[in-house]
Amino acid sequence: MSQRREISEDGRELLFDHGAPYFTVTNPDVLRVVTEWESRGLVAEWKSNFGSFDCFTNKIVNTEHQFSV
């Protein structure tokens, strides 16, 4: 997993996660492994905004708040 932090022009801290954007689990055996990873802090449910970085304007665009169901 890889993460980068940047400070925007307005002083906000931006976090970029370059790891797997997401994954889903349907197999009970895999769910047990992922649950163990979660308990060890290796993975976590993303509960913040999603957005895209526009390299032409150097701005974050199309941000939206999403939660898994």
N, C-alpha and C. Protein backbone atom coordinates (compact mmCIF):
# COMPACT_ATOMS: atom_id res chain seq x y z
N MET A 1 0.84 -1.17 0.00
CA MET A 1 0.00 0.00 0.00
C MET A 1 0.88 1.23 0.00
N SER A 2 0.38 2.26 -0.62
CA SER A 2 1.15 3.47 -0.72
C SER A 2 0.25 4.67 -0.51
N GLN A 3 0.71 5.62 0.26
CA GLN A 3 -0.07 6.82 0.51
C GLN A 3 0.84 8.04 0.43
N ARG A 4 0.30 9.13 -0.09
CA ARG A 4 1.06 10.36 -0.21
C ARG A 4 0.23 11.50 0.38
N ARG A 5 0.89 12.44 1.02
CA ARG A 5 0.23 13.63 1.56
C ARG A 5 0.75 14.86 0.84
N GLU A 6 -0.17 15.75 0.51
CA GLU A 6 0.18 17.02 -0.12
C GLU A 6 -0.61 18.12 0.58
N ILE A 7 -0.14 19.33 0.49
CA ILE A 7 -0.86 20.49 1.00
C ILE A 7 -1.33 21.30 -0.21
N SER A 8 -2.64 21.57 -0.27
CA SER A 8 -3.19 22.33 -1.39
C SER A 8 -2.86 23.81 -1.24
N GLU A 9 -3.14 24.58 -2.29
CA GLU A 9 -2.85 26.01 -2.26
C GLU A 9 -3.59 26.73 -1.15
N ASP A 10 -4.78 26.22 -0.78
CA ASP A 10 -5.55 26.87 0.29
C ASP A 10 -5.19 26.31 1.67
N GLY A 11 -4.14 25.48 1.74
CA GLY A 11 -3.66 24.98 3.03
C GLY A 11 -4.28 23.68 3.50
N ARG A 12 -5.22 23.13 2.74
CA ARG A 12 -5.84 21.86 3.14
C ARG A 12 -4.87 20.71 2.90
N GLU A 13 -4.89 19.75 3.81
CA GLU A 13 -4.08 18.55 3.64
C GLU A 13 -4.84 17.57 2.75
N LEU A 14 -4.17 17.05 1.73
CA LEU A 14 -4.77 16.08 0.82
C LEU A 14 -4.05 14.75 0.99
N LEU A 15 -4.80 13.66 1.06
CA LEU A 15 -4.23 12.33 1.17
C LEU A 15 -4.53 11.57 -0.12
N PHE A 16 -3.52 10.96 -0.70
CA PHE A 16 -3.66 10.17 -1.90
C PHE A 16 -3.31 8.73 -1.57
N ASP A 17 -4.23 7.84 -1.76
CA ASP A 17 -3.99 6.42 -1.53
C ASP A 17 -3.77 5.77 -2.88
N HIS A 18 -2.56 5.26 -3.09
CA HIS A 18 -2.21 4.65 -4.37
C HIS A 18 -2.33 3.14 -4.34
N GLY A 19 -2.90 2.61 -3.28
CA GLY A 19 -3.08 1.17 -3.17
C GLY A 19 -4.29 0.73 -3.98
N ALA A 20 -4.81 -0.42 -3.65
CA ALA A 20 -6.02 -0.90 -4.32
C ALA A 20 -7.15 0.08 -4.04
N PRO A 21 -7.81 0.59 -5.08
CA PRO A 21 -8.86 1.58 -4.84
C PRO A 21 -10.01 1.00 -4.01
N TYR A 22 -10.31 -0.26 -4.22
CA TYR A 22 -11.31 -0.93 -3.40
C TYR A 22 -11.30 -2.41 -3.74
N PHE A 23 -11.88 -3.19 -2.88
CA PHE A 23 -12.14 -4.58 -3.20
C PHE A 23 -13.37 -5.01 -2.43
N THR A 24 -14.02 -6.04 -2.92
CA THR A 24 -15.19 -6.59 -2.26
C THR A 24 -14.92 -8.04 -1.93
N VAL A 25 -15.61 -8.53 -0.93
CA VAL A 25 -15.41 -9.91 -0.49
C VAL A 25 -16.76 -10.60 -0.46
N THR A 26 -16.85 -11.74 -1.13
CA THR A 26 -18.08 -12.54 -1.08
C THR A 26 -17.82 -13.94 -0.54
N ASN A 27 -16.59 -14.39 -0.56
CA ASN A 27 -16.24 -15.72 -0.09
C ASN A 27 -16.02 -15.69 1.42
N PRO A 28 -16.69 -16.57 2.18
CA PRO A 28 -16.54 -16.55 3.65
C PRO A 28 -15.11 -16.77 4.13
N ASP A 29 -14.33 -17.59 3.42
CA ASP A 29 -12.94 -17.82 3.81
C ASP A 29 -12.11 -16.54 3.65
N VAL A 30 -12.33 -15.84 2.55
CA VAL A 30 -11.61 -14.59 2.31
C VAL A 30 -12.08 -13.53 3.31
N LEU A 31 -13.37 -13.53 3.64
CA LEU A 31 -13.89 -12.58 4.62
C LEU A 31 -13.19 -12.74 5.96
N ARG A 32 -12.92 -13.96 6.37
CA ARG A 32 -12.20 -14.19 7.64
C ARG A 32 -10.80 -13.59 7.58
N VAL A 33 -10.13 -13.74 6.44
CA VAL A 33 -8.78 -13.17 6.28
C VAL A 33 -8.84 -11.64 6.33
N VAL A 34 -9.79 -11.06 5.60
CA VAL A 34 -9.91 -9.60 5.57
C VAL A 34 -10.30 -9.06 6.95
N THR A 35 -11.15 -9.77 7.67
CA THR A 35 -11.52 -9.36 9.02
C THR A 35 -10.29 -9.35 9.93
N GLU A 36 -9.42 -10.33 9.76
CA GLU A 36 -8.16 -10.36 10.52
C GLU A 36 -7.28 -9.17 10.14
N TRP A 37 -7.18 -8.88 8.85
CA TRP A 37 -6.41 -7.71 8.40
C TRP A 37 -6.95 -6.44 9.04
N GLU A 38 -8.29 -6.33 9.06
CA GLU A 38 -8.92 -5.15 9.63
C GLU A 38 -8.59 -5.02 11.12
N SER A 39 -8.63 -6.13 11.84
CA SER A 39 -8.33 -6.08 13.28
C SER A 39 -6.88 -5.70 13.54
N ARG A 40 -6.00 -5.98 12.58
CA ARG A 40 -4.58 -5.63 12.71
C ARG A 40 -4.26 -4.26 12.14
N GLY A 41 -5.27 -3.57 11.59
CA GLY A 41 -5.06 -2.24 11.05
C GLY A 41 -4.43 -2.21 9.67
N LEU A 42 -4.45 -3.35 8.97
CA LEU A 42 -3.83 -3.41 7.64
C LEU A 42 -4.75 -2.89 6.55
N VAL A 43 -6.06 -3.01 6.75
CA VAL A 43 -7.06 -2.47 5.82
C VAL A 43 -8.14 -1.80 6.65
N ALA A 44 -8.87 -0.90 6.01
CA ALA A 44 -9.97 -0.22 6.70
C ALA A 44 -11.01 0.21 5.67
N GLU A 45 -12.24 0.28 6.11
CA GLU A 45 -13.30 0.79 5.26
C GLU A 45 -13.09 2.29 5.06
N TRP A 46 -13.16 2.75 3.82
CA TRP A 46 -12.98 4.17 3.51
C TRP A 46 -14.29 4.89 3.82
N LYS A 47 -14.24 5.90 4.68
CA LYS A 47 -15.45 6.62 5.09
C LYS A 47 -15.31 8.11 4.82
N SER A 48 -14.56 8.46 3.82
CA SER A 48 -14.35 9.87 3.51
C SER A 48 -14.76 10.12 2.07
N ASN A 49 -14.36 11.26 1.54
CA ASN A 49 -14.74 11.65 0.18
C ASN A 49 -13.95 10.87 -0.87
N PHE A 50 -14.58 10.74 -2.03
CA PHE A 50 -13.93 10.22 -3.22
C PHE A 50 -13.83 11.36 -4.20
N GLY A 51 -12.79 11.40 -4.99
CA GLY A 51 -12.66 12.45 -5.98
C GLY A 51 -11.63 12.09 -7.03
N SER A 52 -11.50 12.94 -8.00
CA SER A 52 -10.54 12.75 -9.08
C SER A 52 -9.60 13.95 -9.12
N PHE A 53 -8.35 13.70 -9.45
CA PHE A 53 -7.38 14.79 -9.57
C PHE A 53 -7.27 15.15 -11.04
N ASP A 54 -7.51 16.42 -11.36
CA ASP A 54 -7.38 16.93 -12.72
C ASP A 54 -5.97 17.46 -12.90
N CYS A 55 -5.15 16.75 -13.68
CA CYS A 55 -3.74 17.14 -13.82
C CYS A 55 -3.57 18.41 -14.64
N PHE A 56 -4.59 18.84 -15.37
CA PHE A 56 -4.48 20.07 -16.15
C PHE A 56 -4.72 21.30 -15.28
N THR A 57 -5.65 21.20 -14.33
CA THR A 57 -5.94 22.34 -13.45
C THR A 57 -5.27 22.20 -12.09
N ASN A 58 -4.69 21.02 -11.82
CA ASN A 58 -4.08 20.72 -10.51
C ASN A 58 -5.08 20.88 -9.37
N LYS A 59 -6.32 20.44 -9.62
CA LYS A 59 -7.36 20.54 -8.60
C LYS A 59 -8.07 19.20 -8.46
N ILE A 60 -8.63 18.99 -7.26
CA ILE A 60 -9.47 17.82 -7.02
C ILE A 60 -10.87 18.17 -7.53
N VAL A 61 -11.43 17.31 -8.36
CA VAL A 61 -12.75 17.55 -8.93
C VAL A 61 -13.66 16.36 -8.67
N ASN A 62 -14.94 16.56 -8.86
CA ASN A 62 -15.94 15.49 -8.74
C ASN A 62 -15.88 14.80 -7.38
N THR A 63 -15.75 15.56 -6.31
CA THR A 63 -15.73 14.93 -5.00
C THR A 63 -17.15 14.61 -4.58
N GLU A 64 -17.31 13.48 -3.97
CA GLU A 64 -18.59 13.09 -3.43
C GLU A 64 -18.36 12.23 -2.20
N HIS A 65 -19.32 12.23 -1.33
CA HIS A 65 -19.21 11.46 -0.09
C HIS A 65 -19.97 10.16 -0.30
N GLN A 66 -19.30 9.03 -0.16
CA GLN A 66 -19.94 7.73 -0.35
C GLN A 66 -19.64 6.85 0.84
N PHE A 67 -20.60 6.05 1.20
CA PHE A 67 -20.41 5.04 2.24
C PHE A 67 -20.86 3.71 1.69
N SER A 68 -20.21 2.65 2.12
CA SER A 68 -20.65 1.33 1.70
C SER A 68 -21.92 0.97 2.45
N VAL A 69 -22.68 0.08 1.86
CA VAL A 69 -23.92 -0.36 2.50
C VAL A 69 -23.81 -1.78 2.94
